[in-house]
Amino acid sequence: MKIKILYEDPNILVIDKPSGISVHADGRSKEKTITNWVLKNYPKMENVGEPIGEVKRSGIVHRLDKETSGVLILAKNKKAHQFLKKQFINREVKKIYHCVVSGFVKNDHGVINKPIGRSPKDFRRHLAGRGARGALREAITEYKVLKRFINKKEKFTYLEIKPKTGRTHQIRVHMKFLNHPVVCDSLYSPGKPCPKGIKRLALHAKSIEFKNLNGKNIKLESSLPLEFKKVIF
């Protein structure tokens, strides 16, 4: 497994996560994960972070969905893990995503402020708005239209997304709520057309901004995947 390192210091590691690789194991499958790569290359990080049952989350501070690519922060020791986790809890970490969604989004800019709960029909899915089950958690997503385009006679919109909260599947759920689901999303928009040339979830963690343990502001970017560039531009 080849992983590009975007930043490294004695406490923090930031990588460019490829699409199609889970951040950590789910306890069921035996697929290779980012955690496997961490244990092979940084064995001292094994017990950094909070396990989920018997599943170790070595160095994991936040996560990206399996099919999402882009910037991912890892903590190399327990002090760094607590330091970074506090920034996420206090919403001090600035994250920007780029994605392609179905249809032409009407407004050039907007904010979706809809709490997210569980879907009553599928335990894997989450839901915003009416019908959501369980505890509803605050979720805020800001978006900006970068480009509207047509591919195979279908309309699509290229968006910049700034999530203000960090709920599971938040961007995917909120764009589904707007009736503009992220394209090639087999969970939230099965059967919807994908632009020719994109065969994976069209969601990419473009940049992240945080402070390291010395108090220095660090901003890192991941290049837009080539398959996205070919379709959008």
C-alpha atoms as a PDB file:
ATOM      1  CA  MET A   1       0.000   0.000   0.000  1.00  0.00           C
ATOM      2  CA  LYS A   2       1.508   3.313  -1.115  1.00  0.00           C
ATOM      3  CA  ILE A   3       0.455   6.326   0.935  1.00  0.00           C
ATOM      4  CA  LYS A   4       1.620   9.879   0.240  1.00  0.00           C
ATOM      5  CA  ILE A   5       2.756  11.830   3.306  1.00  0.00           C
ATOM      6  CA  LEU A   6       1.731  15.500   3.204  1.00  0.00           C
ATOM      7  CA  TYR A   7       3.235  16.564   6.548  1.00  0.00           C
ATOM      8  CA  GLU A   8       5.180  15.037   9.407  1.00  0.00           C
ATOM      9  CA  ASP A   9       6.712  16.275  12.645  1.00  0.00           C
ATOM     10  CA  PRO A  10       7.594  14.405  15.877  1.00  0.00           C
ATOM     11  CA  ASN A  11       3.934  14.421  16.972  1.00  0.00           C
ATOM     12  CA  ILE A  12       1.682  14.600  13.928  1.00  0.00           C
ATOM     13  CA  LEU A  13       1.410  12.788  10.604  1.00  0.00           C
ATOM     14  CA  VAL A  14      -0.843  13.932   7.753  1.00  0.00           C
ATOM     15  CA  ILE A  15      -1.439  11.648   4.785  1.00  0.00           C
ATOM     16  CA  ASP A  16      -3.220  11.739   1.438  1.00  0.00           C
ATOM     17  CA  LYS A  17      -5.733   8.903   1.775  1.00  0.00           C
ATOM     18  CA  PRO A  18      -6.632   7.071  -1.447  1.00  0.00           C
ATOM     19  CA  SER A  19     -10.242   6.236  -2.277  1.00  0.00           C
ATOM     20  CA  GLY A  20     -11.316   2.645  -1.645  1.00  0.00           C
ATOM     21  CA  ILE A  21      -9.368   2.113   1.591  1.00  0.00           C
ATOM     22  CA  SER A  22     -11.059   2.167   5.004  1.00  0.00           C
ATOM     23  CA  VAL A  23      -9.434   4.186   7.762  1.00  0.00           C
ATOM     24  CA  HIS A  24      -9.718   1.326  10.258  1.00  0.00           C
ATOM     25  CA  ALA A  25     -11.146  -2.186  10.379  1.00  0.00           C
ATOM     26  CA  ASP A  26     -14.846  -2.756  11.011  1.00  0.00           C
ATOM     27  CA  GLY A  27     -14.302  -6.026  12.850  1.00  0.00           C
ATOM     28  CA  ARG A  28     -15.896  -8.029  10.022  1.00  0.00           C
ATOM     29  CA  SER A  29     -13.820  -7.805   6.838  1.00  0.00           C
ATOM     30  CA  LYS A  30     -10.107  -8.510   6.451  1.00  0.00           C
ATOM     31  CA  GLU A  31      -9.418  -5.746   3.935  1.00  0.00           C
ATOM     32  CA  LYS A  32      -6.249  -3.702   4.319  1.00  0.00           C
ATOM     33  CA  THR A  33      -6.812  -0.375   6.072  1.00  0.00           C
ATOM     34  CA  ILE A  34      -4.943   2.829   6.852  1.00  0.00           C
ATOM     35  CA  THR A  35      -4.411   1.405  10.337  1.00  0.00           C
ATOM     36  CA  ASN A  36      -2.553  -1.567   8.803  1.00  0.00           C
ATOM     37  CA  TRP A  37      -0.256   0.871   6.995  1.00  0.00           C
ATOM     38  CA  VAL A  38       0.309   2.804  10.232  1.00  0.00           C
ATOM     39  CA  LEU A  39       1.225  -0.338  12.187  1.00  0.00           C
ATOM     40  CA  LYS A  40       3.680  -1.419   9.503  1.00  0.00           C
ATOM     41  CA  ASN A  41       5.408   1.947   9.146  1.00  0.00           C
ATOM     42  CA  TYR A  42       4.893   3.486  12.607  1.00  0.00           C
ATOM     43  CA  PRO A  43       4.582   0.569  15.079  1.00  0.00           C
ATOM     44  CA  LYS A  44       4.951   2.901  18.086  1.00  0.00           C
ATOM     45  CA  MET A  45       1.553   4.399  17.187  1.00  0.00           C
ATOM     46  CA  GLU A  46      -0.258   1.104  17.839  1.00  0.00           C
ATOM     47  CA  ASN A  47      -1.873   2.108  21.137  1.00  0.00           C
ATOM     48  CA  VAL A  48      -2.425   5.789  20.344  1.00  0.00           C
ATOM     49  CA  GLY A  49      -6.116   6.666  20.268  1.00  0.00           C
ATOM     50  CA  GLU A  50      -9.312   5.065  21.479  1.00  0.00           C
ATOM     51  CA  PRO A  51     -10.182   1.523  20.330  1.00  0.00           C
ATOM     52  CA  ILE A  52     -13.703   0.575  19.271  1.00  0.00           C
ATOM     53  CA  GLY A  53     -14.212  -2.717  21.073  1.00  0.00           C
ATOM     54  CA  GLU A  54     -11.332  -4.898  19.905  1.00  0.00           C
ATOM     55  CA  VAL A  55     -10.611  -2.725  16.858  1.00  0.00           C
ATOM     56  CA  LYS A  56      -7.534  -0.546  17.324  1.00  0.00           C
ATOM     57  CA  ARG A  57      -7.594   2.957  15.838  1.00  0.00           C
ATOM     58  CA  SER A  58      -3.857   3.538  15.938  1.00  0.00           C
ATOM     59  CA  GLY A  59      -3.287   7.285  15.657  1.00  0.00           C
ATOM     60  CA  ILE A  60      -6.737   7.993  14.215  1.00  0.00           C
ATOM     61  CA  VAL A  61      -8.118  11.377  15.300  1.00  0.00           C
ATOM     62  CA  HIS A  62     -10.893  11.745  12.715  1.00  0.00           C
ATOM     63  CA  ARG A  63     -12.028   9.614   9.805  1.00  0.00           C
ATOM     64  CA  LEU A  64     -12.939   9.692   6.141  1.00  0.00           C
ATOM     65  CA  ASP A  65     -15.414   7.314   4.526  1.00  0.00           C
ATOM     66  CA  LYS A  66     -13.868   4.402   2.646  1.00  0.00           C
ATOM     67  CA  GLU A  67     -14.587   5.868  -0.800  1.00  0.00           C
ATOM     68  CA  THR A  68     -13.588   9.426   0.171  1.00  0.00           C
ATOM     69  CA  SER A  69     -10.045  10.486  -0.694  1.00  0.00           C
ATOM     70  CA  GLY A  70      -7.858  13.270   0.644  1.00  0.00           C
ATOM     71  CA  VAL A  71      -6.294  14.789   3.736  1.00  0.00           C
ATOM     72  CA  LEU A  72      -6.265  12.709   6.935  1.00  0.00           C
ATOM     73  CA  ILE A  73      -4.568  13.654  10.237  1.00  0.00           C
ATOM     74  CA  LEU A  74      -2.931  11.045  12.487  1.00  0.00           C
ATOM     75  CA  ALA A  75      -1.479  11.502  15.974  1.00  0.00           C
ATOM     76  CA  LYS A  76       1.905   9.881  16.621  1.00  0.00           C
ATOM     77  CA  ASN A  77       1.575   9.864  20.420  1.00  0.00           C
ATOM     78  CA  LYS A  78      -1.096  10.169  23.108  1.00  0.00           C
ATOM     79  CA  LYS A  79      -0.304  13.800  23.903  1.00  0.00           C
ATOM     80  CA  ALA A  80      -0.775  14.756  20.252  1.00  0.00           C
ATOM     81  CA  HIS A  81      -3.983  12.721  20.071  1.00  0.00           C
ATOM     82  CA  GLN A  82      -5.529  14.633  22.966  1.00  0.00           C
ATOM     83  CA  PHE A  83      -4.256  17.954  21.581  1.00  0.00           C
ATOM     84  CA  LEU A  84      -5.755  17.350  18.132  1.00  0.00           C
ATOM     85  CA  LYS A  85      -8.956  15.820  19.464  1.00  0.00           C
ATOM     86  CA  LYS A  86      -9.581  18.964  21.515  1.00  0.00           C
ATOM     87  CA  GLN A  87      -9.268  21.101  18.365  1.00  0.00           C
ATOM     88  CA  PHE A  88     -11.856  18.942  16.591  1.00  0.00           C
ATOM     89  CA  ILE A  89     -14.240  19.051  19.566  1.00  0.00           C
ATOM     90  CA  ASN A  90     -13.913  22.847  19.760  1.00  0.00           C
ATOM     91  CA  ARG A  91     -14.447  23.113  15.977  1.00  0.00           C
ATOM     92  CA  GLU A  92     -11.100  24.834  15.507  1.00  0.00           C
ATOM     93  CA  VAL A  93     -10.012  22.574  12.649  1.00  0.00           C
ATOM     94  CA  LYS A  94     -10.967  24.009   9.254  1.00  0.00           C
ATOM     95  CA  LYS A  95     -11.842  21.413   6.625  1.00  0.00           C
ATOM     96  CA  ILE A  96     -12.668  21.929   2.959  1.00  0.00           C
ATOM     97  CA  TYR A  97     -14.069  19.233   0.687  1.00  0.00           C
ATOM     98  CA  HIS A  98     -14.703  19.228  -3.050  1.00  0.00           C
ATOM     99  CA  CYS A  99     -17.455  17.117  -4.564  1.00  0.00           C
ATOM    100  CA  VAL A 100     -19.640  16.610  -7.611  1.00  0.00           C
ATOM    101  CA  VAL A 101     -23.396  16.379  -7.073  1.00  0.00           C
ATOM    102  CA  SER A 102     -26.344  15.528  -9.302  1.00  0.00           C
ATOM    103  CA  GLY A 103     -28.259  18.346 -10.977  1.00  0.00           C
ATOM    104  CA  PHE A 104     -27.681  22.099 -11.088  1.00  0.00           C
ATOM    105  CA  VAL A 105     -27.603  23.514  -7.552  1.00  0.00           C
ATOM    106  CA  LYS A 106     -29.739  26.667  -7.752  1.00  0.00           C
ATOM    107  CA  ASN A 107     -28.003  28.974  -5.269  1.00  0.00           C
ATOM    108  CA  ASP A 108     -24.334  29.867  -5.705  1.00  0.00           C
ATOM    109  CA  HIS A 109     -23.834  29.710  -1.947  1.00  0.00           C
ATOM    110  CA  GLY A 110     -25.790  28.288   0.948  1.00  0.00           C
ATOM    111  CA  VAL A 111     -25.788  26.824   4.446  1.00  0.00           C
ATOM    112  CA  ILE A 112     -27.607  23.614   5.366  1.00  0.00           C
ATOM    113  CA  ASN A 113     -28.525  23.575   9.050  1.00  0.00           C
ATOM    114  CA  LYS A 114     -30.395  20.315   9.594  1.00  0.00           C
ATOM    115  CA  PRO A 115     -29.812  17.870  12.449  1.00  0.00           C
ATOM    116  CA  ILE A 116     -28.916  14.322  11.472  1.00  0.00           C
ATOM    117  CA  GLY A 117     -30.293  11.083  12.894  1.00  0.00           C
ATOM    118  CA  ARG A 118     -30.581   7.463  11.830  1.00  0.00           C
ATOM    119  CA  SER A 119     -32.525   6.225   8.841  1.00  0.00           C
ATOM    120  CA  PRO A 120     -35.518   4.083   9.866  1.00  0.00           C
ATOM    121  CA  LYS A 121     -35.105   1.935   6.737  1.00  0.00           C
ATOM    122  CA  ASP A 122     -31.370   1.151   6.601  1.00  0.00           C
ATOM    123  CA  PHE A 123     -29.043   0.948   9.628  1.00  0.00           C
ATOM    124  CA  ARG A 124     -26.073   1.960   7.437  1.00  0.00           C
ATOM    125  CA  ARG A 125     -27.637   5.265   6.460  1.00  0.00           C
ATOM    126  CA  HIS A 126     -28.230   8.556   8.238  1.00  0.00           C
ATOM    127  CA  LEU A 127     -30.994  11.042   7.550  1.00  0.00           C
ATOM    128  CA  ALA A 128     -31.554  14.805   7.838  1.00  0.00           C
ATOM    129  CA  GLY A 129     -34.971  16.288   8.454  1.00  0.00           C
ATOM    130  CA  ARG A 130     -38.325  14.560   8.747  1.00  0.00           C
ATOM    131  CA  GLY A 131     -38.254  10.842   9.455  1.00  0.00           C
ATOM    132  CA  ALA A 132     -34.853  10.690  11.151  1.00  0.00           C
ATOM    133  CA  ARG A 133     -34.772   8.342  14.137  1.00  0.00           C
ATOM    134  CA  GLY A 134     -32.862   8.291  17.416  1.00  0.00           C
ATOM    135  CA  ALA A 135     -30.890  11.199  18.826  1.00  0.00           C
ATOM    136  CA  LEU A 136     -30.771  14.083  16.353  1.00  0.00           C
ATOM    137  CA  ARG A 137     -27.355  15.747  16.324  1.00  0.00           C
ATOM    138  CA  GLU A 138     -26.644  19.289  15.179  1.00  0.00           C
ATOM    139  CA  ALA A 139     -25.164  19.365  11.675  1.00  0.00           C
ATOM    140  CA  ILE A 140     -24.166  22.451   9.669  1.00  0.00           C
ATOM    141  CA  THR A 141     -22.730  22.408   6.147  1.00  0.00           C
ATOM    142  CA  GLU A 142     -21.725  25.437   4.073  1.00  0.00           C
ATOM    143  CA  TYR A 143     -21.416  25.068   0.304  1.00  0.00           C
ATOM    144  CA  LYS A 144     -20.324  27.162  -2.683  1.00  0.00           C
ATOM    145  CA  VAL A 145     -20.836  26.408  -6.371  1.00  0.00           C
ATOM    146  CA  LEU A 146     -17.545  26.245  -8.285  1.00  0.00           C
ATOM    147  CA  LYS A 147     -18.938  25.078 -11.625  1.00  0.00           C
ATOM    148  CA  ARG A 148     -22.088  23.728 -13.249  1.00  0.00           C
ATOM    149  CA  PHE A 149     -21.572  21.366 -16.183  1.00  0.00           C
ATOM    150  CA  ILE A 150     -23.269  18.805 -18.415  1.00  0.00           C
ATOM    151  CA  ASN A 151     -21.895  15.302 -18.968  1.00  0.00           C
ATOM    152  CA  LYS A 152     -23.663  12.667 -21.091  1.00  0.00           C
ATOM    153  CA  LYS A 153     -26.646  15.069 -21.271  1.00  0.00           C
ATOM    154  CA  GLU A 154     -26.932  14.978 -17.471  1.00  0.00           C
ATOM    155  CA  LYS A 155     -26.552  18.053 -15.244  1.00  0.00           C
ATOM    156  CA  PHE A 156     -23.946  18.161 -12.466  1.00  0.00           C
ATOM    157  CA  THR A 157     -22.532  20.745 -10.038  1.00  0.00           C
ATOM    158  CA  TYR A 158     -18.984  20.958  -8.707  1.00  0.00           C
ATOM    159  CA  LEU A 159     -19.034  22.240  -5.111  1.00  0.00           C
ATOM    160  CA  GLU A 160     -16.718  23.448  -2.395  1.00  0.00           C
ATOM    161  CA  ILE A 161     -17.973  22.240   0.986  1.00  0.00           C
ATOM    162  CA  LYS A 162     -17.087  23.513   4.460  1.00  0.00           C
ATOM    163  CA  PRO A 163     -18.602  21.293   7.164  1.00  0.00           C
ATOM    164  CA  LYS A 164     -18.963  23.187  10.432  1.00  0.00           C
ATOM    165  CA  THR A 165     -19.714  19.986  12.356  1.00  0.00           C
ATOM    166  CA  GLY A 166     -18.382  16.467  11.882  1.00  0.00           C
ATOM    167  CA  ARG A 167     -21.260  14.000  11.765  1.00  0.00           C
ATOM    168  CA  THR A 168     -21.043  10.596  10.111  1.00  0.00           C
ATOM    169  CA  HIS A 169     -21.759  10.914   6.357  1.00  0.00           C
ATOM    170  CA  GLN A 170     -22.654  14.585   6.964  1.00  0.00           C
ATOM    171  CA  ILE A 171     -21.900  15.931   3.480  1.00  0.00           C
ATOM    172  CA  ARG A 172     -23.533  12.965   1.774  1.00  0.00           C
ATOM    173  CA  VAL A 173     -26.641  13.229   3.965  1.00  0.00           C
ATOM    174  CA  HIS A 174     -27.011  17.000   3.599  1.00  0.00           C
ATOM    175  CA  MET A 175     -26.573  16.963  -0.172  1.00  0.00           C
ATOM    176  CA  LYS A 176     -29.158  14.182  -0.357  1.00  0.00           C
ATOM    177  CA  PHE A 177     -31.450  16.416   1.739  1.00  0.00           C
ATOM    178  CA  LEU A 178     -31.026  19.171  -0.898  1.00  0.00           C
ATOM    179  CA  ASN A 179     -32.003  16.653  -3.600  1.00  0.00           C
ATOM    180  CA  HIS A 180     -28.511  16.993  -5.064  1.00  0.00           C
ATOM    181  CA  PRO A 181     -26.783  13.809  -3.842  1.00  0.00           C
ATOM    182  CA  VAL A 182     -23.048  13.274  -4.266  1.00  0.00           C
ATOM    183  CA  VAL A 183     -22.625  11.330  -7.497  1.00  0.00           C
ATOM    184  CA  CYS A 184     -21.621   7.669  -7.586  1.00  0.00           C
ATOM    185  CA  ASP A 185     -22.856   7.213  -4.011  1.00  0.00           C
ATOM    186  CA  SER A 186     -24.110   3.628  -3.913  1.00  0.00           C
ATOM    187  CA  LEU A 187     -25.520   4.086  -0.397  1.00  0.00           C
ATOM    188  CA  TYR A 188     -27.409   7.385  -0.697  1.00  0.00           C
ATOM    189  CA  SER A 189     -28.170   7.630  -4.416  1.00  0.00           C
ATOM    190  CA  PRO A 190     -28.085   4.152  -5.971  1.00  0.00           C
ATOM    191  CA  GLY A 191     -29.061   4.147  -9.620  1.00  0.00           C
ATOM    192  CA  LYS A 192     -28.314   7.839 -10.174  1.00  0.00           C
ATOM    193  CA  PRO A 193     -26.133   8.499 -13.241  1.00  0.00           C
ATOM    194  CA  CYS A 194     -22.394   9.018 -12.740  1.00  0.00           C
ATOM    195  CA  PRO A 195     -20.462  11.410 -14.978  1.00  0.00           C
ATOM    196  CA  LYS A 196     -18.490   9.517 -17.603  1.00  0.00           C
ATOM    197  CA  GLY A 197     -14.996   8.961 -16.198  1.00  0.00           C
ATOM    198  CA  ILE A 198     -15.897   8.856 -12.486  1.00  0.00           C
ATOM    199  CA  LYS A 199     -16.431   5.402 -11.002  1.00  0.00           C
ATOM    200  CA  ARG A 200     -16.162   6.190  -7.282  1.00  0.00           C
ATOM    201  CA  LEU A 201     -17.820   8.440  -4.718  1.00  0.00           C
ATOM    202  CA  ALA A 202     -17.141  11.967  -5.989  1.00  0.00           C
ATOM    203  CA  LEU A 203     -16.071  13.374  -2.614  1.00  0.00           C
ATOM    204  CA  HIS A 204     -12.542  14.564  -1.824  1.00  0.00           C
ATOM    205  CA  ALA A 205     -11.080  16.053   1.378  1.00  0.00           C
ATOM    206  CA  LYS A 206      -9.249  18.942  -0.300  1.00  0.00           C
ATOM    207  CA  SER A 207      -7.623  20.758   2.621  1.00  0.00           C
ATOM    208  CA  ILE A 208      -7.305  20.946   6.375  1.00  0.00           C
ATOM    209  CA  GLU A 209      -6.022  23.638   8.732  1.00  0.00           C
ATOM    210  CA  PHE A 210      -4.996  23.052  12.352  1.00  0.00           C
ATOM    211  CA  LYS A 211      -2.366  23.956  14.956  1.00  0.00           C
ATOM    212  CA  ASN A 212       0.579  21.695  15.764  1.00  0.00           C
ATOM    213  CA  LEU A 213       1.849  21.204  19.310  1.00  0.00           C
ATOM    214  CA  ASN A 214       4.136  24.236  18.970  1.00  0.00           C
ATOM    215  CA  GLY A 215       1.127  26.431  18.256  1.00  0.00           C
ATOM    216  CA  LYS A 216       2.038  26.884  14.596  1.00  0.00           C
ATOM    217  CA  ASN A 217      -0.848  27.082  12.140  1.00  0.00           C
ATOM    218  CA  ILE A 218      -0.580  24.284   9.563  1.00  0.00           C
ATOM    219  CA  LYS A 219      -2.599  24.251   6.329  1.00  0.00           C
ATOM    220  CA  LEU A 220      -2.314  21.299   3.962  1.00  0.00           C
ATOM    221  CA  GLU A 221      -3.902  20.477   0.628  1.00  0.00           C
ATOM    222  CA  SER A 222      -4.465  17.336  -1.403  1.00  0.00           C
ATOM    223  CA  SER A 223      -4.569  17.585  -5.190  1.00  0.00           C
ATOM    224  CA  LEU A 224      -7.923  16.928  -6.803  1.00  0.00           C
ATOM    225  CA  PRO A 225      -7.963  13.357  -8.193  1.00  0.00           C
ATOM    226  CA  LEU A 226      -7.111  13.178 -11.892  1.00  0.00           C
ATOM    227  CA  GLU A 227     -10.419  11.497 -12.755  1.00  0.00           C
ATOM    228  CA  PHE A 228     -12.273  14.481 -11.247  1.00  0.00           C
ATOM    229  CA  LYS A 229     -10.153  16.988 -13.183  1.00  0.00           C
ATOM    230  CA  LYS A 230     -10.801  15.251 -16.504  1.00  0.00           C
ATOM    231  CA  VAL A 231     -14.558  15.331 -15.982  1.00  0.00           C
ATOM    232  CA  ILE A 232     -14.929  18.806 -14.449  1.00  0.00           C
ATOM    233  CA  PHE A 233     -12.427  20.779 -16.494  1.00  0.00           C
END
